[in-house]
Amino acid sequence: MEFSKKLRKFLFPFVGAIGYRISPTSNIDQVKNFLKTLHPIEFDLIRVGSESDGGYLVPDDFMDLSYCFSPGVSNNSDFERDLAKRGIPSFLADYSVEAPPISNENFRFIKKFVGPISSDNYIEFESWVSSNSKASDELILQMDIEGSEYGSLLSCNREVLKRFRIMIIEFHGLDLIFDSHGFQLIRDCFIKLLQDFHVVHIHPNNNDPVRTIQGIGIPSLMEISFLRKDRIFDSKHATKFPHPLDRRTVLSKKDFDLPENWYSRY
C-alpha cells in the first residue's frame, strides 16, 4: 500500500501533464454484485421512435399516461412524435437548439438544459417536472442529457420520481464504474432508482466502446428502460439478449451485444 502511494505521487505530475489522472480502481467483486442488481426483468416491450438513434425499447404499458418529459432534444424528436400519435403530449428541454426538429402541437419546448439546479441556461429537473404535472399524473421520461442525469436524478425528490411509470435514460460514462469514485456516484444513482423501479431493458449504444477489466465488460454509453415496480407482477429475469427489436444506434459504426456480465448470474 505504501509503495502504491509513492508510485502514484511520483507518476501524478507526468500523467496530469498529458490530461489524465490517477485514481483508485473499484473492487471487482463489488462491481459484480452491483451489476447483479441490474439484471433486467422480463416484460413486453415495443419500439418507440426511429429504427436507429432516437428509437428506444419501452414497456408496453401506455394506458392513461398523462405526459412525457424529454430533456435532451438535439436533432431528433422521433420518440416524442410517436408518443404524440398515441395522444401523449411531451415537455421538451434543450438549450443547444432553438426548437425541436419536428413541429407538433403536442410539443411544449423550453430552451434550457436540465440539471440538478436552475441557472441562466439550466432548469432544475425536479422543479421542471413539478411545475408541469401533479402528483396524480402518470408520466414517462426519456432522458439524454450528456452526463447530467446523475445529478438530476440524485437531487430529485423520490415522490416526484415515482410520478414516472416508465423511464428511458441514456447513461453516460458508465465505464467510470471501474474508478472507485465514479463507481460510488453511479451505484448511488441506481440504488435510488431501484427503490421504486425495475430495469426491464438494457441496450448498449455503439457510439462508444466497451471497456473490459478482469473479464467485466462495461459499455460507456447505454440506454436503460425502467418500469415502476407496482406495474410488474411477475419478476422473472429476462434471458434473451439482444432483444429482437434492438437496433444499431449509430448506423456507421460496428455494433456489439450487451456483455453477458450484465445479465448472467455468475
Protein backbone atom coordinates (compact mmCIF):
# COMPACT_ATOMS: atom_id res chain seq x y z
CA MET A 1 0.00 0.00 0.00
CA GLU A 2 2.81 2.40 0.92
CA PHE A 3 4.62 1.58 -2.33
CA SER A 4 1.49 2.26 -4.41
CA LYS A 5 1.06 5.64 -2.72
CA LYS A 6 4.66 6.57 -3.50
CA LEU A 7 4.28 5.40 -7.11
CA ARG A 8 1.07 7.37 -7.53
CA LYS A 9 2.75 10.50 -6.14
CA PHE A 10 5.69 10.02 -8.50
CA LEU A 11 3.54 9.44 -11.61
CA PHE A 12 0.89 12.07 -10.90
CA PRO A 13 2.72 15.09 -12.44
CA PHE A 14 3.54 13.19 -15.64
CA VAL A 15 0.05 11.77 -16.11
CA GLY A 16 -1.56 15.12 -15.32
CA ALA A 17 0.63 16.87 -17.90
CA ILE A 18 -0.99 14.84 -20.70
CA GLY A 19 -4.53 15.36 -19.45
CA TYR A 20 -5.11 12.23 -17.39
CA ARG A 21 -5.42 11.44 -13.70
CA ILE A 22 -4.62 8.54 -11.38
CA SER A 23 -7.30 7.27 -9.04
CA PRO A 24 -8.02 4.06 -7.12
CA THR A 25 -9.77 1.30 -9.07
CA SER A 26 -13.02 -0.22 -7.91
CA ASN A 27 -13.27 -3.52 -6.09
CA ILE A 28 -14.22 -6.01 -8.84
CA ASP A 29 -16.37 -8.12 -6.51
CA GLN A 30 -18.35 -5.02 -5.59
CA VAL A 31 -18.78 -4.21 -9.28
CA LYS A 32 -20.05 -7.75 -9.97
CA ASN A 33 -22.52 -7.57 -7.08
CA PHE A 34 -23.76 -4.19 -8.32
CA LEU A 35 -24.32 -5.50 -11.86
CA LYS A 36 -26.45 -8.35 -10.48
CA THR A 37 -28.98 -5.78 -9.23
CA LEU A 38 -29.43 -4.50 -12.80
CA HIS A 39 -30.39 -7.81 -14.42
CA PRO A 40 -33.48 -6.85 -16.50
CA ILE A 41 -36.91 -8.15 -15.57
CA GLU A 42 -38.93 -9.73 -18.38
CA PHE A 43 -41.74 -7.51 -19.69
CA ASP A 44 -43.42 -6.96 -23.07
CA LEU A 45 -41.53 -4.26 -24.93
CA ILE A 46 -42.26 -2.24 -28.06
CA ARG A 47 -40.05 0.06 -30.08
CA VAL A 48 -40.93 3.75 -29.99
CA GLY A 49 -39.17 6.22 -32.27
CA SER A 50 -36.81 5.55 -35.16
CA GLU A 51 -35.08 2.33 -36.23
CA SER A 52 -31.72 3.72 -35.07
CA ASP A 53 -30.74 6.71 -32.92
CA GLY A 54 -33.90 8.23 -31.48
CA GLY A 55 -35.65 4.89 -31.00
CA TYR A 56 -35.96 3.02 -27.71
CA LEU A 57 -37.49 -0.16 -26.34
CA VAL A 58 -40.30 0.78 -24.00
CA PRO A 59 -42.55 -1.30 -21.69
CA ASP A 60 -45.92 -1.79 -23.39
CA ASP A 61 -47.85 -0.05 -20.62
CA PHE A 62 -49.18 3.22 -22.07
CA MET A 63 -52.76 3.30 -20.77
CA ASP A 64 -53.64 6.63 -19.12
CA LEU A 65 -50.19 8.18 -19.38
CA SER A 66 -50.55 11.95 -18.98
CA TYR A 67 -47.27 13.41 -20.30
CA CYS A 68 -43.79 12.64 -21.47
CA PHE A 69 -40.83 14.64 -20.15
CA SER A 70 -37.96 14.60 -22.62
CA PRO A 71 -34.83 16.51 -21.60
CA GLY A 72 -32.22 16.47 -24.35
CA VAL A 73 -33.59 17.15 -27.83
CA SER A 74 -30.64 17.67 -30.19
CA ASN A 75 -31.75 16.89 -33.75
CA ASN A 76 -34.21 14.04 -33.18
CA SER A 77 -37.79 14.01 -31.88
CA ASP A 78 -38.99 10.73 -33.39
CA PHE A 79 -39.72 9.28 -29.93
CA GLU A 80 -41.94 12.20 -28.92
CA ARG A 81 -43.62 12.19 -32.35
CA ASP A 82 -44.67 8.56 -31.85
CA LEU A 83 -45.99 9.35 -28.38
CA ALA A 84 -48.00 12.26 -29.82
CA LYS A 85 -49.68 9.78 -32.17
CA ARG A 86 -50.83 7.96 -29.02
CA GLY A 87 -52.22 11.20 -27.60
CA ILE A 88 -49.37 11.73 -25.12
CA PRO A 89 -48.03 15.34 -25.08
CA SER A 90 -44.33 15.93 -24.45
CA PHE A 91 -42.43 18.56 -22.50
CA LEU A 92 -39.02 19.01 -24.14
CA ALA A 93 -35.96 20.93 -22.97
CA ASP A 94 -32.58 21.65 -24.55
CA TYR A 95 -30.55 24.87 -24.56
CA SER A 96 -28.43 23.73 -27.52
CA VAL A 97 -31.29 24.05 -30.05
CA GLU A 98 -33.84 26.72 -30.85
CA ALA A 99 -36.73 24.28 -31.21
CA PRO A 100 -37.44 20.57 -31.76
CA PRO A 101 -36.71 19.42 -35.32
CA ILE A 102 -40.36 18.35 -35.70
CA SER A 103 -43.22 20.80 -35.27
CA ASN A 104 -46.10 19.29 -33.31
CA GLU A 105 -48.99 20.86 -31.38
CA ASN A 106 -48.38 18.33 -28.58
CA PHE A 107 -44.80 19.55 -28.00
CA ARG A 108 -44.07 22.10 -25.27
CA PHE A 109 -40.47 23.20 -25.55
CA ILE A 110 -38.24 25.22 -23.23
CA LYS A 111 -34.78 26.40 -24.31
CA LYS A 112 -32.92 25.20 -21.22
CA PHE A 113 -30.57 22.42 -20.28
CA VAL A 114 -31.91 20.18 -17.50
CA GLY A 115 -29.75 19.58 -14.43
CA PRO A 116 -29.68 19.42 -10.61
CA ILE A 117 -30.00 23.22 -10.18
CA SER A 118 -31.54 26.16 -12.04
CA SER A 119 -29.39 28.94 -13.53
CA ASP A 120 -29.33 31.14 -16.64
CA ASN A 121 -29.17 28.21 -19.07
CA TYR A 122 -30.44 25.41 -16.81
CA ILE A 123 -33.69 24.37 -15.23
CA GLU A 124 -33.75 22.05 -12.23
CA PHE A 125 -35.18 18.68 -13.20
CA GLU A 126 -37.48 18.36 -10.19
CA SER A 127 -38.91 21.88 -10.49
CA TRP A 128 -39.49 21.41 -14.24
CA VAL A 129 -41.46 18.21 -13.63
CA SER A 130 -43.34 19.56 -10.60
CA SER A 131 -44.40 22.78 -12.32
CA ASN A 132 -45.84 20.88 -15.29
CA SER A 133 -47.50 17.91 -13.61
CA LYS A 134 -49.38 16.96 -10.47
CA ALA A 135 -48.91 14.10 -8.03
CA SER A 136 -51.68 12.01 -9.58
CA ASP A 137 -50.27 12.17 -13.13
CA GLU A 138 -48.74 9.08 -14.70
CA LEU A 139 -45.65 10.12 -16.65
CA ILE A 140 -42.98 8.77 -18.98
CA LEU A 141 -39.39 10.04 -19.02
CA GLN A 142 -36.95 9.95 -21.93
CA MET A 143 -33.69 11.48 -20.71
CA ASP A 144 -30.50 12.03 -22.70
CA ILE A 145 -28.57 14.91 -21.11
CA GLU A 146 -24.90 14.04 -21.61
CA GLY A 147 -23.93 13.07 -18.07
CA SER A 148 -26.20 15.45 -16.14
CA GLU A 149 -28.55 12.52 -15.49
CA TYR A 150 -26.71 11.52 -12.31
CA GLY A 151 -27.02 14.85 -10.52
CA SER A 152 -30.56 15.41 -11.82
CA LEU A 153 -31.83 12.05 -10.59
CA LEU A 154 -29.97 12.07 -7.27
CA SER A 155 -31.24 15.55 -6.41
CA CYS A 156 -34.86 14.80 -7.36
CA ASN A 157 -37.37 14.02 -4.63
CA ARG A 158 -38.29 10.35 -4.59
CA GLU A 159 -42.03 11.08 -4.67
CA VAL A 160 -41.59 13.21 -7.79
CA LEU A 161 -39.63 10.43 -9.48
CA LYS A 162 -42.44 8.00 -8.67
CA ARG A 163 -44.79 10.01 -10.90
CA PHE A 164 -42.94 8.35 -13.76
CA ARG A 165 -44.37 4.98 -14.64
CA ILE A 166 -41.76 4.47 -17.35
CA MET A 167 -38.24 5.87 -17.63
CA ILE A 168 -35.82 5.51 -20.54
CA ILE A 169 -32.48 7.01 -19.58
CA GLU A 170 -29.29 7.19 -21.60
CA PHE A 171 -26.46 6.81 -19.07
CA HIS A 172 -23.08 8.30 -19.99
CA GLY A 173 -19.62 7.44 -18.70
CA LEU A 174 -20.65 4.08 -17.28
CA ASP A 175 -17.10 2.81 -17.68
CA LEU A 176 -16.28 5.08 -14.73
CA ILE A 177 -17.64 2.16 -12.69
CA PHE A 178 -14.02 0.97 -12.72
CA ASP A 179 -12.96 4.18 -10.91
CA SER A 180 -13.74 3.97 -7.18
CA HIS A 181 -15.22 7.50 -7.06
CA GLY A 182 -17.16 7.04 -10.29
CA PHE A 183 -18.48 3.73 -9.02
CA GLN A 184 -19.85 5.35 -5.89
CA LEU A 185 -21.73 8.02 -7.87
CA ILE A 186 -23.16 5.57 -10.40
CA ARG A 187 -24.09 2.99 -7.76
CA ASP A 188 -25.79 5.63 -5.58
CA CYS A 189 -27.88 6.79 -8.53
CA PHE A 190 -29.04 3.27 -9.37
CA ILE A 191 -29.69 2.39 -5.72
CA LYS A 192 -32.08 5.33 -5.59
CA LEU A 193 -33.88 4.33 -8.79
CA LEU A 194 -34.11 0.65 -7.85
CA GLN A 195 -36.09 1.50 -4.72
CA ASP A 196 -39.16 2.01 -6.91
CA PHE A 197 -38.25 0.76 -10.40
CA HIS A 198 -37.20 -2.43 -12.12
CA VAL A 199 -34.80 -2.46 -15.04
CA VAL A 200 -36.67 -4.03 -17.97
CA HIS A 201 -34.19 -3.50 -20.80
CA ILE A 202 -30.57 -2.54 -21.43
CA HIS A 203 -29.16 -1.61 -24.81
CA PRO A 204 -25.55 -0.55 -25.39
CA ASN A 205 -25.13 2.50 -27.61
CA ASN A 206 -22.46 1.58 -30.15
CA ASN A 207 -21.24 5.17 -30.45
CA ASP A 208 -18.79 4.43 -27.60
CA PRO A 209 -16.80 1.23 -27.00
CA VAL A 210 -16.90 -1.44 -24.32
CA ARG A 211 -14.20 -1.21 -21.65
CA THR A 212 -13.19 -4.55 -20.13
CA ILE A 213 -11.25 -5.09 -16.90
CA GLN A 214 -10.77 -8.52 -15.30
CA GLY A 215 -13.39 -10.01 -17.60
CA ILE A 216 -16.08 -7.43 -16.80
CA GLY A 217 -17.33 -5.53 -19.86
CA ILE A 218 -18.85 -2.07 -19.34
CA PRO A 219 -20.17 -0.14 -22.36
CA SER A 220 -19.58 3.52 -21.58
CA LEU A 221 -22.93 4.59 -23.07
CA MET A 222 -26.16 2.63 -22.53
CA GLU A 223 -29.92 3.09 -22.90
CA ILE A 224 -31.73 1.62 -19.90
CA SER A 225 -35.50 1.22 -19.65
CA PHE A 226 -37.23 1.18 -16.24
CA LEU A 227 -40.78 0.35 -15.16
CA ARG A 228 -42.21 1.26 -11.76
CA LYS A 229 -42.43 -1.80 -9.53
CA ASP A 230 -46.18 -1.56 -8.93
CA ARG A 231 -46.71 -2.27 -12.67
CA ILE A 232 -44.88 -5.63 -12.58
CA PHE A 233 -46.46 -8.74 -11.10
CA ASP A 234 -44.08 -11.47 -12.25
CA SER A 235 -40.46 -10.52 -11.66
CA LYS A 236 -38.85 -13.17 -13.85
CA HIS A 237 -35.47 -12.23 -15.26
CA ALA A 238 -35.07 -11.72 -18.99
CA THR A 239 -32.76 -14.23 -20.65
CA LYS A 240 -32.56 -13.25 -24.34
CA PHE A 241 -30.11 -10.55 -25.41
CA PRO A 242 -30.13 -8.71 -27.69
CA HIS A 243 -33.90 -8.22 -27.86
CA PRO A 244 -35.40 -8.87 -31.33
CA LEU A 245 -36.40 -5.18 -31.54
CA ASP A 246 -32.93 -3.85 -30.70
CA ARG A 247 -31.30 -1.85 -33.47
CA ARG A 248 -27.86 -0.36 -34.01
CA THR A 249 -27.83 3.19 -32.63
CA VAL A 250 -25.17 4.60 -34.96
CA LEU A 251 -25.51 3.02 -38.39
CA SER A 252 -21.98 3.92 -39.49
CA LYS A 253 -20.29 2.13 -36.57
CA LYS A 254 -19.84 -1.54 -35.76
CA ASP A 255 -22.46 -2.89 -33.39
CA PHE A 256 -21.86 -5.08 -30.34
CA ASP A 257 -24.07 -7.04 -27.96
CA LEU A 258 -24.63 -6.35 -24.30
CA PRO A 259 -21.79 -8.09 -22.40
CA GLU A 260 -23.02 -11.22 -20.66
CA ASN A 261 -21.93 -9.97 -17.22
CA TRP A 262 -24.94 -7.59 -17.30
CA TYR A 263 -27.44 -10.42 -17.21
CA SER A 264 -25.63 -13.62 -16.15
CA ARG A 265 -25.99 -14.73 -12.56
CA TYR A 266 -22.25 -15.51 -12.13
